[in-house]
């Protein structure tokens, strides 16, 4: 019986098509996440003018999304441990897309703030999950580069909000920039179909067939024939350190987000 640490296999792998898919999907999610966070600030002057509100009310309207982000990071980090990161990321994209778009139909500050709070749950919840996903599916030698590339999507999303906002607001009104934020729901089927599940989650739930498939995509010339799951203390400790590292990085890059939950790791064996 040969014991294989799936996380070590991923750490030592060369850059493959699977890594490119995970990088592309996580970056797209972060771009839309950045857009949804920045769009309120772009549209705020027009909102204040149309609703006739003062700066104090405007501050409340914008800050509700930040409160949502704080709670979302904790809530969806915990949910990811139960249902997996792929479904959690999809749920977060659905939340921040639908409720940011819904904010475009709000007619008073309270309704607008409520929609932005729920959107903030998704905005904050997606961050620690995509960071953990990107870290898990990055070869050790280029992990920092891949995570940095993914995080650059946040700035791209903010720039898109600024560039598109001016033209859309002048032509269609401030509501248009929020309604446009509903487009990321189209990304959800691709997330569910193309993005692989967390290896730690698959190990914990005993889904060895899925692990075999991932191993073959990580290392194309290695195709295990039969697998069984077993716990490996060394792998578990390494995964906890990696998760803690992701949490610290996420806290530095997005102060309003909480760290990602710790994940457990196991080894798997082949006969």
C-alpha atoms as a PDB file:
ATOM      1  CA  UNK A   1       0.000   0.000   0.000  1.00  0.00           C
ATOM      2  CA  UNK A   2       1.426   3.352  -1.039  1.00  0.00           C
ATOM      3  CA  UNK A   3       0.499   6.425   1.015  1.00  0.00           C
ATOM      4  CA  UNK A   4       0.123   9.654  -0.936  1.00  0.00           C
ATOM      5  CA  UNK A   5      -0.309  13.082   0.630  1.00  0.00           C
ATOM      6  CA  UNK A   6      -2.644  14.835  -1.813  1.00  0.00           C
ATOM      7  CA  UNK A   7      -1.561  18.262  -0.539  1.00  0.00           C
ATOM      8  CA  UNK A   8       2.102  17.461  -1.137  1.00  0.00           C
ATOM      9  CA  UNK A   9       1.171  16.216  -4.591  1.00  0.00           C
ATOM     10  CA  UNK A  10      -0.431  19.602  -5.249  1.00  0.00           C
ATOM     11  CA  UNK A  11       2.484  21.509  -3.733  1.00  0.00           C
ATOM     12  CA  UNK A  12       5.027  19.767  -5.970  1.00  0.00           C
ATOM     13  CA  UNK A  13       2.937  19.781  -9.155  1.00  0.00           C
ATOM     14  CA  UNK A  14       3.811  21.787 -12.236  1.00  0.00           C
ATOM     15  CA  UNK A  15       1.444  24.472 -13.502  1.00  0.00           C
ATOM     16  CA  UNK A  16      -1.345  22.693 -15.396  1.00  0.00           C
ATOM     17  CA  UNK A  17      -4.648  23.479 -17.057  1.00  0.00           C
ATOM     18  CA  UNK A  18      -6.392  22.838 -13.731  1.00  0.00           C
ATOM     19  CA  UNK A  19      -4.335  25.562 -12.051  1.00  0.00           C
ATOM     20  CA  UNK A  20      -5.179  27.950 -14.902  1.00  0.00           C
ATOM     21  CA  UNK A  21      -8.900  27.222 -14.512  1.00  0.00           C
ATOM     22  CA  UNK A  22      -8.849  27.821 -10.753  1.00  0.00           C
ATOM     23  CA  UNK A  23      -6.851  31.033 -11.207  1.00  0.00           C
ATOM     24  CA  UNK A  24      -9.219  32.319 -13.901  1.00  0.00           C
ATOM     25  CA  UNK A  25     -12.391  31.486 -11.969  1.00  0.00           C
ATOM     26  CA  UNK A  26     -11.155  32.920  -8.668  1.00  0.00           C
ATOM     27  CA  UNK A  27      -9.902  36.077 -10.390  1.00  0.00           C
ATOM     28  CA  UNK A  28     -13.248  36.628 -12.132  1.00  0.00           C
ATOM     29  CA  UNK A  29     -15.064  36.226  -8.818  1.00  0.00           C
ATOM     30  CA  UNK A  30     -12.731  38.743  -7.181  1.00  0.00           C
ATOM     31  CA  UNK A  31     -13.203  41.223 -10.060  1.00  0.00           C
ATOM     32  CA  UNK A  32     -16.974  41.151  -9.587  1.00  0.00           C
ATOM     33  CA  UNK A  33     -16.494  41.291  -5.820  1.00  0.00           C
ATOM     34  CA  UNK A  34     -14.401  44.436  -6.191  1.00  0.00           C
ATOM     35  CA  UNK A  35     -16.948  46.003  -8.529  1.00  0.00           C
ATOM     36  CA  UNK A  36     -19.809  45.373  -6.121  1.00  0.00           C
ATOM     37  CA  UNK A  37     -17.913  46.902  -3.222  1.00  0.00           C
ATOM     38  CA  UNK A  38     -16.811  50.014  -5.133  1.00  0.00           C
ATOM     39  CA  UNK A  39     -20.013  50.727  -7.027  1.00  0.00           C
ATOM     40  CA  UNK A  40     -21.823  52.351  -4.087  1.00  0.00           C
ATOM     41  CA  UNK A  41     -19.135  55.001  -3.704  1.00  0.00           C
ATOM     42  CA  UNK A  42     -19.253  55.772  -7.435  1.00  0.00           C
ATOM     43  CA  UNK A  43     -23.018  56.263  -7.425  1.00  0.00           C
ATOM     44  CA  UNK A  44     -23.327  57.941  -4.020  1.00  0.00           C
ATOM     45  CA  UNK A  45     -23.408  61.601  -5.194  1.00  0.00           C
ATOM     46  CA  UNK A  46     -26.255  60.822  -7.613  1.00  0.00           C
ATOM     47  CA  UNK A  47     -28.105  58.820  -4.952  1.00  0.00           C
ATOM     48  CA  UNK A  48     -27.835  61.659  -2.436  1.00  0.00           C
ATOM     49  CA  UNK A  49     -29.162  64.134  -4.975  1.00  0.00           C
ATOM     50  CA  UNK A  50     -32.111  62.005  -6.084  1.00  0.00           C
ATOM     51  CA  UNK A  51     -33.144  60.819  -2.618  1.00  0.00           C
ATOM     52  CA  UNK A  52     -32.469  64.181  -1.026  1.00  0.00           C
ATOM     53  CA  UNK A  53     -30.453  62.744   1.839  1.00  0.00           C
ATOM     54  CA  UNK A  54     -27.684  64.248   3.946  1.00  0.00           C
ATOM     55  CA  UNK A  55     -24.123  63.032   4.390  1.00  0.00           C
ATOM     56  CA  UNK A  56     -24.927  61.204   7.640  1.00  0.00           C
ATOM     57  CA  UNK A  57     -27.608  59.093   5.977  1.00  0.00           C
ATOM     58  CA  UNK A  58     -25.336  58.506   3.010  1.00  0.00           C
ATOM     59  CA  UNK A  59     -22.624  57.233   5.334  1.00  0.00           C
ATOM     60  CA  UNK A  60     -25.078  54.764   6.865  1.00  0.00           C
ATOM     61  CA  UNK A  61     -26.113  53.521   3.425  1.00  0.00           C
ATOM     62  CA  UNK A  62     -22.530  52.796   2.392  1.00  0.00           C
ATOM     63  CA  UNK A  63     -21.330  51.347   5.701  1.00  0.00           C
ATOM     64  CA  UNK A  64     -24.017  48.652   5.832  1.00  0.00           C
ATOM     65  CA  UNK A  65     -22.139  46.695   3.161  1.00  0.00           C
ATOM     66  CA  UNK A  66     -19.006  46.787   5.316  1.00  0.00           C
ATOM     67  CA  UNK A  67     -20.924  45.406   8.293  1.00  0.00           C
ATOM     68  CA  UNK A  68     -22.254  42.677   6.043  1.00  0.00           C
ATOM     69  CA  UNK A  69     -18.726  41.816   4.929  1.00  0.00           C
ATOM     70  CA  UNK A  70     -17.615  41.388   8.526  1.00  0.00           C
ATOM     71  CA  UNK A  71     -20.382  38.899   9.284  1.00  0.00           C
ATOM     72  CA  UNK A  72     -20.213  37.238   5.874  1.00  0.00           C
ATOM     73  CA  UNK A  73     -16.578  36.226   6.260  1.00  0.00           C
ATOM     74  CA  UNK A  74     -17.352  34.400   9.508  1.00  0.00           C
ATOM     75  CA  UNK A  75     -20.667  32.875   8.430  1.00  0.00           C
ATOM     76  CA  UNK A  76     -19.609  31.602   5.024  1.00  0.00           C
ATOM     77  CA  UNK A  77     -16.241  30.475   6.281  1.00  0.00           C
ATOM     78  CA  UNK A  78     -18.079  28.133   8.637  1.00  0.00           C
ATOM     79  CA  UNK A  79     -20.585  27.082   5.978  1.00  0.00           C
ATOM     80  CA  UNK A  80     -17.733  26.164   3.626  1.00  0.00           C
ATOM     81  CA  UNK A  81     -16.515  23.579   6.133  1.00  0.00           C
ATOM     82  CA  UNK A  82     -19.921  21.900   5.926  1.00  0.00           C
ATOM     83  CA  UNK A  83     -20.893  22.072   2.250  1.00  0.00           C
ATOM     84  CA  UNK A  84     -17.563  22.706   0.517  1.00  0.00           C
ATOM     85  CA  UNK A  85     -15.964  25.828  -0.896  1.00  0.00           C
ATOM     86  CA  UNK A  86     -17.315  25.477  -4.429  1.00  0.00           C
ATOM     87  CA  UNK A  87     -20.974  25.687  -3.396  1.00  0.00           C
ATOM     88  CA  UNK A  88     -20.160  28.371  -0.835  1.00  0.00           C
ATOM     89  CA  UNK A  89     -18.441  30.540  -3.442  1.00  0.00           C
ATOM     90  CA  UNK A  90     -21.429  30.096  -5.762  1.00  0.00           C
ATOM     91  CA  UNK A  91     -23.825  31.087  -2.957  1.00  0.00           C
ATOM     92  CA  UNK A  92     -21.781  34.202  -2.181  1.00  0.00           C
ATOM     93  CA  UNK A  93     -21.725  35.236  -5.855  1.00  0.00           C
ATOM     94  CA  UNK A  94     -25.505  34.802  -5.953  1.00  0.00           C
ATOM     95  CA  UNK A  95     -25.943  36.938  -2.838  1.00  0.00           C
ATOM     96  CA  UNK A  96     -23.788  39.884  -3.816  1.00  0.00           C
ATOM     97  CA  UNK A  97     -25.042  39.878  -7.420  1.00  0.00           C
ATOM     98  CA  UNK A  98     -28.768  39.689  -6.705  1.00  0.00           C
ATOM     99  CA  UNK A  99     -28.830  42.096  -3.781  1.00  0.00           C
ATOM    100  CA  UNK A 100     -26.497  44.648  -5.345  1.00  0.00           C
ATOM    101  CA  UNK A 101     -28.817  44.648  -8.363  1.00  0.00           C
ATOM    102  CA  UNK A 102     -31.807  44.920  -6.015  1.00  0.00           C
ATOM    103  CA  UNK A 103     -30.269  48.042  -4.458  1.00  0.00           C
ATOM    104  CA  UNK A 104     -30.802  49.723  -7.828  1.00  0.00           C
ATOM    105  CA  UNK A 105     -34.558  49.486  -7.253  1.00  0.00           C
ATOM    106  CA  UNK A 106     -34.472  50.936  -3.719  1.00  0.00           C
ATOM    107  CA  UNK A 107     -36.362  54.185  -3.192  1.00  0.00           C
ATOM    108  CA  UNK A 108     -35.293  55.068   0.348  1.00  0.00           C
ATOM    109  CA  UNK A 109     -32.078  54.875   2.405  1.00  0.00           C
ATOM    110  CA  UNK A 110     -33.304  52.099   4.719  1.00  0.00           C
ATOM    111  CA  UNK A 111     -34.226  49.728   1.894  1.00  0.00           C
ATOM    112  CA  UNK A 112     -31.008  50.550   0.082  1.00  0.00           C
ATOM    113  CA  UNK A 113     -28.979  49.910   3.242  1.00  0.00           C
ATOM    114  CA  UNK A 114     -30.741  46.589   3.872  1.00  0.00           C
ATOM    115  CA  UNK A 115     -29.987  45.367   0.351  1.00  0.00           C
ATOM    116  CA  UNK A 116     -26.378  46.465   0.661  1.00  0.00           C
ATOM    117  CA  UNK A 117     -26.010  44.664   3.989  1.00  0.00           C
ATOM    118  CA  UNK A 118     -27.134  41.359   2.469  1.00  0.00           C
ATOM    119  CA  UNK A 119     -24.894  41.973  -0.543  1.00  0.00           C
ATOM    120  CA  UNK A 120     -22.048  42.610   1.897  1.00  0.00           C
ATOM    121  CA  UNK A 121     -22.552  39.139   3.364  1.00  0.00           C
ATOM    122  CA  UNK A 122     -21.694  37.705  -0.030  1.00  0.00           C
ATOM    123  CA  UNK A 123     -18.893  40.183  -0.730  1.00  0.00           C
ATOM    124  CA  UNK A 124     -17.189  39.359   2.562  1.00  0.00           C
ATOM    125  CA  UNK A 125     -18.017  35.667   2.495  1.00  0.00           C
ATOM    126  CA  UNK A 126     -16.439  34.992  -0.865  1.00  0.00           C
ATOM    127  CA  UNK A 127     -13.046  36.496  -0.008  1.00  0.00           C
ATOM    128  CA  UNK A 128     -11.622  33.964   2.500  1.00  0.00           C
ATOM    129  CA  UNK A 129     -13.000  31.104   0.423  1.00  0.00           C
ATOM    130  CA  UNK A 130     -11.369  32.091  -2.863  1.00  0.00           C
ATOM    131  CA  UNK A 131      -8.100  32.840  -1.037  1.00  0.00           C
ATOM    132  CA  UNK A 132      -8.127  29.387   0.552  1.00  0.00           C
ATOM    133  CA  UNK A 133      -9.099  27.800  -2.769  1.00  0.00           C
ATOM    134  CA  UNK A 134      -6.346  29.599  -4.669  1.00  0.00           C
ATOM    135  CA  UNK A 135      -3.743  28.730  -2.052  1.00  0.00           C
ATOM    136  CA  UNK A 136      -4.765  25.073  -2.012  1.00  0.00           C
ATOM    137  CA  UNK A 137      -4.605  24.741  -5.794  1.00  0.00           C
ATOM    138  CA  UNK A 138      -1.330  26.608  -6.330  1.00  0.00           C
ATOM    139  CA  UNK A 139       2.045  24.863  -6.695  1.00  0.00           C
ATOM    140  CA  UNK A 140       4.263  25.817  -3.773  1.00  0.00           C
ATOM    141  CA  UNK A 141       6.909  27.515  -5.944  1.00  0.00           C
ATOM    142  CA  UNK A 142       4.449  29.960  -7.515  1.00  0.00           C
ATOM    143  CA  UNK A 143       1.781  30.151  -4.804  1.00  0.00           C
ATOM    144  CA  UNK A 144       2.525  33.747  -3.843  1.00  0.00           C
ATOM    145  CA  UNK A 145       2.456  34.805  -7.491  1.00  0.00           C
ATOM    146  CA  UNK A 146      -0.874  33.125  -8.169  1.00  0.00           C
ATOM    147  CA  UNK A 147      -2.539  34.529  -5.055  1.00  0.00           C
ATOM    148  CA  UNK A 148      -1.201  38.004  -5.893  1.00  0.00           C
ATOM    149  CA  UNK A 149      -2.513  37.748  -9.456  1.00  0.00           C
ATOM    150  CA  UNK A 150      -5.906  36.751  -8.112  1.00  0.00           C
ATOM    151  CA  UNK A 151      -5.975  39.673  -5.680  1.00  0.00           C
ATOM    152  CA  UNK A 152      -5.212  42.097  -8.516  1.00  0.00           C
ATOM    153  CA  UNK A 153      -8.750  41.401  -9.673  1.00  0.00           C
ATOM    154  CA  UNK A 154     -10.024  43.451  -6.746  1.00  0.00           C
ATOM    155  CA  UNK A 155      -8.388  46.574  -8.164  1.00  0.00           C
ATOM    156  CA  UNK A 156      -9.634  45.706 -11.644  1.00  0.00           C
ATOM    157  CA  UNK A 157     -13.179  45.496 -10.296  1.00  0.00           C
ATOM    158  CA  UNK A 158     -12.851  48.891  -8.639  1.00  0.00           C
ATOM    159  CA  UNK A 159     -11.521  50.426 -11.855  1.00  0.00           C
ATOM    160  CA  UNK A 160     -14.378  48.902 -13.850  1.00  0.00           C
ATOM    161  CA  UNK A 161     -16.866  50.459 -11.443  1.00  0.00           C
ATOM    162  CA  UNK A 162     -15.231  53.861 -11.925  1.00  0.00           C
ATOM    163  CA  UNK A 163     -14.896  53.594 -15.710  1.00  0.00           C
ATOM    164  CA  UNK A 164     -18.357  52.212 -16.387  1.00  0.00           C
ATOM    165  CA  UNK A 165     -20.039  54.216 -13.668  1.00  0.00           C
ATOM    166  CA  UNK A 166     -19.584  57.638 -15.213  1.00  0.00           C
ATOM    167  CA  UNK A 167     -21.050  56.680 -18.571  1.00  0.00           C
ATOM    168  CA  UNK A 168     -23.873  54.551 -17.199  1.00  0.00           C
ATOM    169  CA  UNK A 169     -24.960  57.083 -14.588  1.00  0.00           C
ATOM    170  CA  UNK A 170     -24.978  59.980 -17.057  1.00  0.00           C
ATOM    171  CA  UNK A 171     -26.988  58.010 -19.603  1.00  0.00           C
ATOM    172  CA  UNK A 172     -29.252  55.730 -17.568  1.00  0.00           C
ATOM    173  CA  UNK A 173     -29.108  56.993 -13.985  1.00  0.00           C
ATOM    174  CA  UNK A 174     -27.425  55.660 -10.863  1.00  0.00           C
ATOM    175  CA  UNK A 175     -29.658  52.589 -10.810  1.00  0.00           C
ATOM    176  CA  UNK A 176     -27.949  51.207 -13.915  1.00  0.00           C
ATOM    177  CA  UNK A 177     -24.581  50.587 -12.236  1.00  0.00           C
ATOM    178  CA  UNK A 178     -26.266  48.475  -9.574  1.00  0.00           C
ATOM    179  CA  UNK A 179     -28.444  46.554 -12.012  1.00  0.00           C
ATOM    180  CA  UNK A 180     -25.329  45.789 -14.074  1.00  0.00           C
ATOM    181  CA  UNK A 181     -23.879  44.150 -10.957  1.00  0.00           C
ATOM    182  CA  UNK A 182     -26.417  41.350 -11.385  1.00  0.00           C
ATOM    183  CA  UNK A 183     -24.509  39.973 -14.369  1.00  0.00           C
ATOM    184  CA  UNK A 184     -22.152  37.792 -12.260  1.00  0.00           C
ATOM    185  CA  UNK A 185     -25.019  35.338 -11.675  1.00  0.00           C
ATOM    186  CA  UNK A 186     -24.124  34.076 -15.152  1.00  0.00           C
ATOM    187  CA  UNK A 187     -20.799  32.954 -13.700  1.00  0.00           C
ATOM    188  CA  UNK A 188     -22.388  30.568 -11.185  1.00  0.00           C
ATOM    189  CA  UNK A 189     -22.905  27.582 -13.556  1.00  0.00           C
ATOM    190  CA  UNK A 190     -19.245  27.822 -14.588  1.00  0.00           C
ATOM    191  CA  UNK A 191     -18.128  27.932 -10.953  1.00  0.00           C
ATOM    192  CA  UNK A 192     -20.122  24.802 -10.154  1.00  0.00           C
ATOM    193  CA  UNK A 193     -19.050  22.962 -13.290  1.00  0.00           C
ATOM    194  CA  UNK A 194     -15.403  23.966 -13.725  1.00  0.00           C
ATOM    195  CA  UNK A 195     -14.053  24.831 -10.282  1.00  0.00           C
ATOM    196  CA  UNK A 196     -12.781  21.771  -8.363  1.00  0.00           C
ATOM    197  CA  UNK A 197     -13.883  21.190  -4.796  1.00  0.00           C
ATOM    198  CA  UNK A 198     -11.527  21.726  -1.874  1.00  0.00           C
ATOM    199  CA  UNK A 199      -9.222  18.729  -1.466  1.00  0.00           C
ATOM    200  CA  UNK A 200      -9.480  18.950   2.327  1.00  0.00           C
ATOM    201  CA  UNK A 201     -13.278  18.789   2.080  1.00  0.00           C
ATOM    202  CA  UNK A 202     -13.138  15.796  -0.271  1.00  0.00           C
ATOM    203  CA  UNK A 203     -10.769  13.988   2.091  1.00  0.00           C
ATOM    204  CA  UNK A 204     -12.967  14.695   5.082  1.00  0.00           C
ATOM    205  CA  UNK A 205     -16.088  13.431   3.303  1.00  0.00           C
ATOM    206  CA  UNK A 206     -14.369  10.369   1.831  1.00  0.00           C
ATOM    207  CA  UNK A 207     -14.937  11.257  -1.827  1.00  0.00           C
ATOM    208  CA  UNK A 208     -11.930   9.357  -3.124  1.00  0.00           C
ATOM    209  CA  UNK A 209     -13.150   9.126  -6.722  1.00  0.00           C
ATOM    210  CA  UNK A 210     -13.100  12.913  -6.947  1.00  0.00           C
ATOM    211  CA  UNK A 211      -9.616  12.909  -5.399  1.00  0.00           C
ATOM    212  CA  UNK A 212      -8.409  10.454  -8.026  1.00  0.00           C
ATOM    213  CA  UNK A 213      -9.677  12.760 -10.750  1.00  0.00           C
ATOM    214  CA  UNK A 214      -8.005  15.805  -9.183  1.00  0.00           C
ATOM    215  CA  UNK A 215      -4.719  13.936  -8.743  1.00  0.00           C
ATOM    216  CA  UNK A 216      -4.735  12.970 -12.408  1.00  0.00           C
ATOM    217  CA  UNK A 217      -5.274  16.619 -13.370  1.00  0.00           C
ATOM    218  CA  UNK A 218      -2.610  17.892 -10.989  1.00  0.00           C
ATOM    219  CA  UNK A 219      -0.044  15.333 -12.161  1.00  0.00           C
ATOM    220  CA  UNK A 220      -1.168  14.018 -15.585  1.00  0.00           C
ATOM    221  CA  UNK A 221       1.363  11.157 -15.636  1.00  0.00           C
ATOM    222  CA  UNK A 222       0.170   9.848 -12.257  1.00  0.00           C
ATOM    223  CA  UNK A 223      -3.151   7.978 -12.419  1.00  0.00           C
ATOM    224  CA  UNK A 224      -4.005   6.057  -9.226  1.00  0.00           C
ATOM    225  CA  UNK A 225      -6.179   2.989  -9.624  1.00  0.00           C
ATOM    226  CA  UNK A 226      -7.767   2.636  -6.219  1.00  0.00           C
ATOM    227  CA  UNK A 227      -7.915   4.945  -3.226  1.00  0.00           C
ATOM    228  CA  UNK A 228      -8.874   4.851   0.423  1.00  0.00           C
ATOM    229  CA  UNK A 229      -8.872   7.794   2.804  1.00  0.00           C
ATOM    230  CA  UNK A 230      -6.893   7.941   6.049  1.00  0.00           C
ATOM    231  CA  UNK A 231      -5.812  10.738   8.363  1.00  0.00           C
ATOM    232  CA  UNK A 232      -2.235  11.969   8.298  1.00  0.00           C
ATOM    233  CA  UNK A 233      -1.129  14.124  11.275  1.00  0.00           C
ATOM    234  CA  UNK A 234       1.714  15.766   9.345  1.00  0.00           C
ATOM    235  CA  UNK A 235      -0.560  16.737   6.478  1.00  0.00           C
ATOM    236  CA  UNK A 236      -3.164  18.053   8.888  1.00  0.00           C
ATOM    237  CA  UNK A 237      -0.658  20.297  10.643  1.00  0.00           C
ATOM    238  CA  UNK A 238       0.622  21.628   7.318  1.00  0.00           C
ATOM    239  CA  UNK A 239      -2.920  22.392   6.152  1.00  0.00           C
ATOM    240  CA  UNK A 240      -3.670  24.262   9.382  1.00  0.00           C
ATOM    241  CA  UNK A 241      -0.539  26.387   8.937  1.00  0.00           C
ATOM    242  CA  UNK A 242      -1.505  27.129   5.345  1.00  0.00           C
ATOM    243  CA  UNK A 243      -5.039  28.092   6.379  1.00  0.00           C
ATOM    244  CA  UNK A 244      -3.683  30.418   9.067  1.00  0.00           C
ATOM    245  CA  UNK A 245      -1.385  32.002   6.495  1.00  0.00           C
ATOM    246  CA  UNK A 246      -4.337  32.565   4.154  1.00  0.00           C
ATOM    247  CA  UNK A 247      -6.291  34.178   6.972  1.00  0.00           C
ATOM    248  CA  UNK A 248      -3.481  36.608   7.757  1.00  0.00           C
ATOM    249  CA  UNK A 249      -3.041  37.493   4.096  1.00  0.00           C
ATOM    250  CA  UNK A 250      -6.778  38.032   3.690  1.00  0.00           C
ATOM    251  CA  UNK A 251      -6.883  40.261   6.752  1.00  0.00           C
ATOM    252  CA  UNK A 252      -4.074  42.425   5.368  1.00  0.00           C
ATOM    253  CA  UNK A 253      -5.616  42.705   1.912  1.00  0.00           C
ATOM    254  CA  UNK A 254      -9.227  43.208   2.975  1.00  0.00           C
ATOM    255  CA  UNK A 255      -9.386  44.541   6.544  1.00  0.00           C
ATOM    256  CA  UNK A 256     -13.160  44.209   6.700  1.00  0.00           C
ATOM    257  CA  UNK A 257     -12.986  40.471   6.126  1.00  0.00           C
ATOM    258  CA  UNK A 258     -12.353  37.890   8.787  1.00  0.00           C
ATOM    259  CA  UNK A 259      -9.881  35.069   8.294  1.00  0.00           C
ATOM    260  CA  UNK A 260     -10.790  31.807   6.626  1.00  0.00           C
ATOM    261  CA  UNK A 261     -11.636  28.821   8.824  1.00  0.00           C
ATOM    262  CA  UNK A 262      -9.065  26.173   9.447  1.00  0.00           C
ATOM    263  CA  UNK A 263      -9.208  23.179   7.137  1.00  0.00           C
ATOM    264  CA  UNK A 264      -8.109  19.645   7.906  1.00  0.00           C
ATOM    265  CA  UNK A 265      -6.038  17.490   5.608  1.00  0.00           C
ATOM    266  CA  UNK A 266      -5.538  13.803   5.246  1.00  0.00           C
ATOM    267  CA  UNK A 267      -3.532  11.434   3.166  1.00  0.00           C
ATOM    268  CA  UNK A 268      -4.874   8.931   0.724  1.00  0.00           C
ATOM    269  CA  UNK A 269      -3.437   5.633  -0.309  1.00  0.00           C
ATOM    270  CA  UNK A 270      -3.375   3.525  -3.447  1.00  0.00           C
ATOM    271  CA  UNK A 271      -3.107  -0.168  -4.020  1.00  0.00           C
END
